[in-house]
Amino acid sequence: MISSLIRGQRLIALFLLGCLLFNYPLLYIFNSKSQIFGIPLLYAYIFAAWALLISLMAWVVERAGRKDSKD
């Protein structure tokens, strides 16, 4: 019960982090002519932020799933 509540709160926090990462001020910072390995900086930032959010969500859900199976 409590672990599902904590998992929900963590997922909401990750949603808010995603809103922050994909909001205009941060996207504007990375919108430049710079490139990383031939990829525009903005595209690299969007992909990295997206991959980070997915990995954090998987970690939260998997970690909570292991705790639920122990109980």
N, C-alpha and C. Protein backbone atom coordinates (compact mmCIF):
# COMPACT_ATOMS: atom_id res chain seq x y z
N MET A 1 0.83 -1.20 0.00
CA MET A 1 0.00 0.00 0.00
C MET A 1 0.87 1.26 0.00
N ILE A 2 1.77 1.32 0.97
CA ILE A 2 2.60 2.52 1.07
C ILE A 2 3.58 2.59 -0.09
N SER A 3 4.11 1.43 -0.51
CA SER A 3 5.07 1.45 -1.62
C SER A 3 4.41 1.91 -2.91
N SER A 4 3.12 1.57 -3.11
CA SER A 4 2.43 2.04 -4.32
C SER A 4 2.19 3.55 -4.23
N LEU A 5 1.98 4.07 -3.03
CA LEU A 5 1.81 5.51 -2.85
C LEU A 5 3.12 6.23 -3.14
N ILE A 6 4.21 5.69 -2.63
CA ILE A 6 5.52 6.29 -2.88
C ILE A 6 5.87 6.21 -4.36
N ARG A 7 5.56 5.07 -5.00
CA ARG A 7 5.83 4.92 -6.43
C ARG A 7 5.05 5.96 -7.22
N GLY A 8 3.79 6.18 -6.86
CA GLY A 8 2.99 7.20 -7.54
C GLY A 8 3.57 8.59 -7.37
N GLN A 9 4.04 8.89 -6.18
CA GLN A 9 4.64 10.20 -5.93
C GLN A 9 5.92 10.38 -6.72
N ARG A 10 6.71 9.33 -6.82
CA ARG A 10 7.95 9.41 -7.60
C ARG A 10 7.66 9.57 -9.08
N LEU A 11 6.64 8.89 -9.57
CA LEU A 11 6.29 9.02 -10.99
C LEU A 11 5.75 10.43 -11.29
N ILE A 12 5.02 11.00 -10.35
CA ILE A 12 4.55 12.38 -10.53
C ILE A 12 5.73 13.33 -10.53
N ALA A 13 6.70 13.09 -9.66
CA ALA A 13 7.91 13.92 -9.64
C ALA A 13 8.67 13.80 -10.95
N LEU A 14 8.73 12.61 -11.53
CA LEU A 14 9.39 12.43 -12.83
C LEU A 14 8.62 13.14 -13.94
N PHE A 15 7.29 13.14 -13.86
CA PHE A 15 6.49 13.88 -14.83
C PHE A 15 6.81 15.37 -14.76
N LEU A 16 6.89 15.89 -13.55
CA LEU A 16 7.21 17.31 -13.38
C LEU A 16 8.63 17.61 -13.86
N LEU A 17 9.56 16.69 -13.64
CA LEU A 17 10.91 16.85 -14.16
C LEU A 17 10.89 16.89 -15.68
N GLY A 18 10.09 16.02 -16.29
CA GLY A 18 9.95 16.03 -17.75
C GLY A 18 9.37 17.34 -18.26
N CYS A 19 8.39 17.86 -17.54
CA CYS A 19 7.83 19.17 -17.93
C CYS A 19 8.89 20.25 -17.85
N LEU A 20 9.72 20.17 -16.85
CA LEU A 20 10.80 21.16 -16.71
C LEU A 20 11.84 21.00 -17.81
N LEU A 21 12.24 19.75 -18.09
CA LEU A 21 13.28 19.51 -19.08
C LEU A 21 12.86 19.89 -20.49
N PHE A 22 11.57 19.76 -20.81
CA PHE A 22 11.09 20.06 -22.15
C PHE A 22 10.36 21.39 -22.24
N ASN A 23 10.60 22.25 -21.28
CA ASN A 23 10.00 23.58 -21.28
C ASN A 23 10.87 24.54 -22.09
N TYR A 24 10.27 25.63 -22.53
CA TYR A 24 10.93 26.56 -23.45
C TYR A 24 12.27 27.10 -22.96
N PRO A 25 12.42 27.56 -21.71
CA PRO A 25 13.72 28.15 -21.34
C PRO A 25 14.89 27.19 -21.51
N LEU A 26 14.73 25.93 -21.12
CA LEU A 26 15.84 24.98 -21.28
C LEU A 26 16.05 24.62 -22.74
N LEU A 27 15.00 24.47 -23.49
CA LEU A 27 15.16 24.18 -24.92
C LEU A 27 15.85 25.33 -25.63
N TYR A 28 15.57 26.55 -25.21
CA TYR A 28 16.19 27.72 -25.83
C TYR A 28 17.69 27.75 -25.56
N ILE A 29 18.10 27.31 -24.37
CA ILE A 29 19.52 27.29 -24.03
C ILE A 29 20.28 26.36 -24.99
N PHE A 30 19.68 25.24 -25.33
CA PHE A 30 20.35 24.26 -26.18
C PHE A 30 20.12 24.48 -27.67
N ASN A 31 19.34 25.48 -28.03
CA ASN A 31 19.08 25.76 -29.43
C ASN A 31 20.19 26.65 -29.98
N SER A 32 21.28 26.03 -30.39
CA SER A 32 22.40 26.77 -30.95
C SER A 32 22.93 25.99 -32.15
N LYS A 33 23.90 26.58 -32.81
CA LYS A 33 24.47 25.93 -34.00
C LYS A 33 25.54 24.91 -33.64
N SER A 34 25.78 24.70 -32.36
CA SER A 34 26.79 23.73 -31.93
C SER A 34 26.35 22.31 -32.27
N GLN A 35 27.35 21.44 -32.42
CA GLN A 35 27.07 20.05 -32.72
C GLN A 35 27.91 19.14 -31.85
N ILE A 36 27.36 17.99 -31.54
CA ILE A 36 28.07 16.95 -30.79
C ILE A 36 28.08 15.72 -31.68
N PHE A 37 29.26 15.31 -32.10
CA PHE A 37 29.41 14.16 -33.00
C PHE A 37 28.57 14.32 -34.26
N GLY A 38 28.43 15.53 -34.75
CA GLY A 38 27.67 15.79 -35.96
C GLY A 38 26.17 15.92 -35.76
N ILE A 39 25.71 15.84 -34.52
CA ILE A 39 24.28 15.95 -34.20
C ILE A 39 24.06 17.33 -33.59
N PRO A 40 23.06 18.05 -34.06
CA PRO A 40 22.78 19.37 -33.45
C PRO A 40 22.55 19.24 -31.94
N LEU A 41 23.02 20.21 -31.20
CA LEU A 41 22.96 20.17 -29.74
C LEU A 41 21.53 20.02 -29.22
N LEU A 42 20.57 20.68 -29.84
CA LEU A 42 19.18 20.59 -29.40
C LEU A 42 18.67 19.16 -29.52
N TYR A 43 18.95 18.50 -30.63
CA TYR A 43 18.50 17.12 -30.83
C TYR A 43 19.17 16.18 -29.82
N ALA A 44 20.45 16.39 -29.58
CA ALA A 44 21.16 15.56 -28.60
C ALA A 44 20.58 15.76 -27.20
N TYR A 45 20.24 17.00 -26.84
CA TYR A 45 19.65 17.27 -25.54
C TYR A 45 18.28 16.60 -25.40
N ILE A 46 17.45 16.74 -26.43
CA ILE A 46 16.11 16.14 -26.37
C ILE A 46 16.21 14.62 -26.23
N PHE A 47 17.08 14.00 -27.01
CA PHE A 47 17.24 12.55 -26.92
C PHE A 47 17.78 12.14 -25.55
N ALA A 48 18.77 12.85 -25.03
CA ALA A 48 19.35 12.51 -23.73
C ALA A 48 18.33 12.69 -22.61
N ALA A 49 17.56 13.77 -22.64
CA ALA A 49 16.55 14.00 -21.60
C ALA A 49 15.46 12.93 -21.68
N TRP A 50 15.06 12.57 -22.89
CA TRP A 50 14.04 11.54 -23.09
C TRP A 50 14.55 10.20 -22.56
N ALA A 51 15.78 9.84 -22.90
CA ALA A 51 16.36 8.58 -22.44
C ALA A 51 16.51 8.57 -20.92
N LEU A 52 16.90 9.69 -20.34
CA LEU A 52 17.02 9.80 -18.89
C LEU A 52 15.68 9.58 -18.21
N LEU A 53 14.63 10.22 -18.72
CA LEU A 53 13.31 10.06 -18.11
C LEU A 53 12.81 8.62 -18.21
N ILE A 54 13.02 7.99 -19.34
CA ILE A 54 12.57 6.60 -19.51
C ILE A 54 13.34 5.68 -18.56
N SER A 55 14.64 5.87 -18.44
CA SER A 55 15.41 5.01 -17.55
C SER A 55 15.04 5.24 -16.09
N LEU A 56 14.79 6.48 -15.71
CA LEU A 56 14.37 6.75 -14.33
C LEU A 56 12.99 6.16 -14.04
N MET A 57 12.07 6.25 -15.00
CA MET A 57 10.75 5.64 -14.80
C MET A 57 10.86 4.13 -14.67
N ALA A 58 11.68 3.50 -15.51
CA ALA A 58 11.86 2.06 -15.42
C ALA A 58 12.47 1.67 -14.08
N TRP A 59 13.42 2.47 -13.60
CA TRP A 59 14.04 2.19 -12.32
C TRP A 59 13.03 2.28 -11.18
N VAL A 60 12.20 3.32 -11.20
CA VAL A 60 11.20 3.51 -10.13
C VAL A 60 10.19 2.36 -10.14
N VAL A 61 9.70 2.00 -11.31
CA VAL A 61 8.68 0.95 -11.39
C VAL A 61 9.28 -0.41 -11.04
N GLU A 62 10.47 -0.70 -11.54
CA GLU A 62 11.11 -1.98 -11.25
C GLU A 62 11.48 -2.10 -9.78
N ARG A 63 11.97 -1.04 -9.21
CA ARG A 63 12.35 -1.06 -7.79
C ARG A 63 11.13 -1.28 -6.90
N ALA A 64 10.05 -0.60 -7.24
CA ALA A 64 8.82 -0.77 -6.46
C ALA A 64 8.25 -2.17 -6.66
N GLY A 65 8.40 -2.74 -7.85
CA GLY A 65 7.92 -4.09 -8.10
C GLY A 65 8.66 -5.13 -7.29
N ARG A 66 9.96 -4.94 -7.12
CA ARG A 66 10.74 -5.88 -6.29
C ARG A 66 10.34 -5.78 -4.84
N LYS A 67 10.05 -4.57 -4.35
CA LYS A 67 9.64 -4.42 -2.95
C LYS A 67 8.27 -5.02 -2.73
N ASP A 68 7.36 -4.91 -3.73
CA ASP A 68 6.02 -5.49 -3.58
C ASP A 68 6.09 -7.01 -3.53
N SER A 69 6.99 -7.60 -4.28
CA SER A 69 7.08 -9.07 -4.29
C SER A 69 7.69 -9.62 -3.00
N LYS A 70 8.47 -8.83 -2.28
CA LYS A 70 9.05 -9.28 -1.01
C LYS A 70 7.99 -9.34 0.09
N ASP A 71 7.00 -8.46 0.01
CA ASP A 71 5.98 -8.39 1.09
C ASP A 71 5.01 -9.52 1.03
